[in-house]
Amino acid sequence: MRRWIAAFLVVLALGLAQRGEVNLGSPFGVQGGLRFPLVPSLVDGRVYGGVGLEAMGGGVDLLLKLPLTDLYLGLGGFYGTGPALTLPQDARGHGGLRAVLGTWLNLPLPLLGVYMEAHPTLYLSPHTGLGIGAAVGVSVGF
C-alpha cells in the first residue's frame, strides 16, 4: 500500500509542478527537485532529493520572489543520511534549517533557466553548528 501511495504522490507532484530542477552544490552534492507555484508570481515551494559522496537526503524550501527582480529569498529544512556539504567542515551535520539567497541568470533560453544560490545553514542534528553552502542549477519549465 505504501508503494501505491508513494507512486500516487509522485504523479500528483509532477502534474502540479511548474518547473523541474537539477543543481550541483549544497546540501548533498547533486539534487533534483520540483518547484510549485503557491502564490503566482510571488511564492514558490520546492521539494528536492539529492545524493553525494557522503550523504543522501531531501528537503523542502519556501521561496519568496522579489518583484521586478531576478532575486528570491527562502527558508527551508533538510535531512540526510550523512554530513551535508558546507563550510567550515567541522560544522557539518545531517539535518537542519537553511536560508536560500538566489538569483536567476539572464540567459536567452526558452523554458530553461540557470540559477545560483547561497545557503546559510543552521545544523540541528547530530550537533548544532553554523555553515554556508552554495549551489548552481538548471531549471526546466513544464
Protein backbone atom coordinates (compact mmCIF):
# COMPACT_ATOMS: atom_id res chain seq x y z
CA MET A 1 0.00 0.00 0.00
CA ARG A 2 2.86 2.39 0.78
CA ARG A 3 4.23 1.96 -2.75
CA TRP A 4 0.87 2.89 -4.27
CA ILE A 5 0.63 5.99 -2.10
CA ALA A 6 4.20 6.99 -2.99
CA ALA A 7 3.54 6.45 -6.70
CA PHE A 8 0.32 8.50 -6.47
CA LEU A 9 2.13 11.36 -4.72
CA VAL A 10 4.90 11.37 -7.36
CA VAL A 11 2.37 11.51 -10.23
CA LEU A 12 0.41 14.25 -8.44
CA ALA A 13 3.59 16.26 -7.82
CA LEU A 14 4.63 16.01 -11.47
CA GLY A 15 1.18 17.20 -12.52
CA LEU A 16 1.22 20.24 -10.22
CA ALA A 17 4.87 21.25 -10.64
CA GLN A 18 5.80 24.37 -12.58
CA ARG A 19 9.48 23.55 -13.06
CA GLY A 20 11.90 20.66 -12.72
CA GLU A 21 15.35 21.45 -11.33
CA VAL A 22 18.78 19.87 -11.11
CA ASN A 23 21.59 21.52 -9.17
CA LEU A 24 25.11 20.88 -8.01
CA GLY A 25 26.20 22.00 -4.53
CA SER A 26 24.86 22.03 -1.01
CA PRO A 27 23.43 20.28 0.87
CA PHE A 28 24.08 16.83 -0.65
CA GLY A 29 26.02 17.23 -3.91
CA VAL A 30 23.64 16.59 -6.80
CA GLN A 31 19.97 17.41 -6.20
CA GLY A 32 16.87 17.01 -8.32
CA GLY A 33 13.58 18.60 -7.44
CA LEU A 34 10.31 20.19 -8.38
CA ARG A 35 9.15 23.78 -7.93
CA PHE A 36 5.47 24.53 -7.29
CA PRO A 37 3.71 27.91 -7.53
CA LEU A 38 1.99 28.56 -4.19
CA VAL A 39 1.08 32.22 -4.79
CA PRO A 40 1.51 33.00 -8.52
CA SER A 41 4.48 35.29 -9.28
CA LEU A 42 5.26 35.71 -5.57
CA VAL A 43 5.78 32.47 -3.57
CA ASP A 44 7.06 29.08 -4.72
CA GLY A 45 7.55 25.82 -2.87
CA ARG A 46 10.35 23.41 -3.72
CA VAL A 47 10.90 19.75 -2.84
CA TYR A 48 14.18 18.03 -3.62
CA GLY A 49 16.20 14.93 -3.09
CA GLY A 50 19.91 14.51 -3.53
CA VAL A 51 22.89 12.24 -3.40
CA GLY A 52 26.57 12.93 -2.86
CA LEU A 53 29.82 11.31 -1.82
CA GLU A 54 28.98 11.29 1.91
CA ALA A 55 25.21 11.57 2.15
CA MET A 56 21.84 11.38 0.51
CA GLY A 57 18.65 13.01 1.64
CA GLY A 58 15.99 15.55 0.83
CA GLY A 59 14.30 18.73 1.88
CA VAL A 60 11.75 21.43 1.25
CA ASP A 61 12.07 25.18 0.68
CA LEU A 62 9.59 28.06 0.70
CA LEU A 63 10.80 30.73 -1.76
CA LEU A 64 9.69 34.38 -1.96
CA LYS A 65 10.29 36.09 -5.30
CA LEU A 66 11.26 39.75 -5.08
CA PRO A 67 9.03 41.66 -7.55
CA LEU A 68 10.66 43.26 -10.60
CA THR A 69 13.98 41.47 -9.97
CA ASP A 70 15.56 38.08 -10.63
CA LEU A 71 16.22 37.59 -6.90
CA TYR A 72 14.47 35.28 -4.48
CA LEU A 73 14.77 34.53 -0.75
CA GLY A 74 13.66 31.48 1.13
CA LEU A 75 13.70 29.28 4.18
CA GLY A 76 13.77 25.51 4.24
CA GLY A 77 14.68 22.35 6.04
CA PHE A 78 16.57 19.19 5.06
CA TYR A 79 17.67 15.85 6.43
CA GLY A 80 20.13 13.28 5.13
CA THR A 81 21.91 10.04 5.92
CA GLY A 82 25.30 11.68 6.41
CA PRO A 83 27.03 15.05 6.73
CA ALA A 84 25.95 17.75 4.28
CA LEU A 85 28.29 19.84 2.13
CA THR A 86 29.19 23.09 3.84
CA LEU A 87 32.00 25.30 5.00
CA PRO A 88 33.50 25.07 7.59
CA GLN A 89 33.82 21.28 7.53
CA ASP A 90 33.64 20.88 11.31
CA ALA A 91 30.17 22.49 11.43
CA ARG A 92 28.52 19.84 9.22
CA GLY A 93 25.51 17.87 10.27
CA HIS A 94 22.80 15.54 8.97
CA GLY A 95 19.86 17.91 9.09
CA GLY A 96 18.82 21.43 9.82
CA LEU A 97 17.37 24.68 8.58
CA ARG A 98 18.72 26.79 5.75
CA ALA A 99 18.10 30.19 4.25
CA VAL A 100 18.12 30.49 0.47
CA LEU A 101 19.50 33.57 -1.29
CA GLY A 102 19.19 33.05 -5.03
CA THR A 103 19.18 34.74 -8.39
CA TRP A 104 18.28 33.73 -11.92
CA LEU A 105 20.92 34.32 -14.57
CA ASN A 106 19.60 36.16 -17.61
CA LEU A 107 20.11 33.73 -20.46
CA PRO A 108 18.02 33.95 -23.65
CA LEU A 109 16.84 30.32 -23.50
CA PRO A 110 13.13 29.41 -23.76
CA LEU A 111 11.76 27.30 -20.87
CA LEU A 112 15.29 26.88 -19.50
CA GLY A 113 16.74 28.84 -16.60
CA VAL A 114 20.06 28.85 -14.79
CA TYR A 115 20.27 29.96 -11.17
CA MET A 116 22.82 30.42 -8.38
CA GLU A 117 22.10 30.17 -4.66
CA ALA A 118 23.84 30.70 -1.33
CA HIS A 119 22.67 28.71 1.70
CA PRO A 120 23.46 29.96 5.21
CA THR A 121 22.69 26.85 7.29
CA LEU A 122 21.89 26.05 10.92
CA TYR A 123 22.63 22.39 11.60
CA LEU A 124 20.45 20.78 14.27
CA SER A 125 21.40 17.11 14.03
CA PRO A 126 23.54 15.40 15.34
CA HIS A 127 25.03 18.56 16.85
CA THR A 128 24.36 22.29 16.46
CA GLY A 129 26.54 24.34 14.15
CA LEU A 130 26.54 27.08 11.52
CA GLY A 131 27.77 26.73 7.96
CA ILE A 132 27.35 28.15 4.49
CA GLY A 133 26.87 26.33 1.22
CA ALA A 134 26.14 27.22 -2.39
CA ALA A 135 24.61 25.67 -5.48
CA VAL A 136 24.30 26.30 -9.19
CA GLY A 137 21.46 24.73 -11.11
CA VAL A 138 19.36 24.37 -14.24
CA SER A 139 15.59 24.66 -14.20
CA VAL A 140 13.26 23.42 -16.97
CA GLY A 141 9.71 24.76 -17.28
CA PHE A 142 6.86 22.35 -17.89
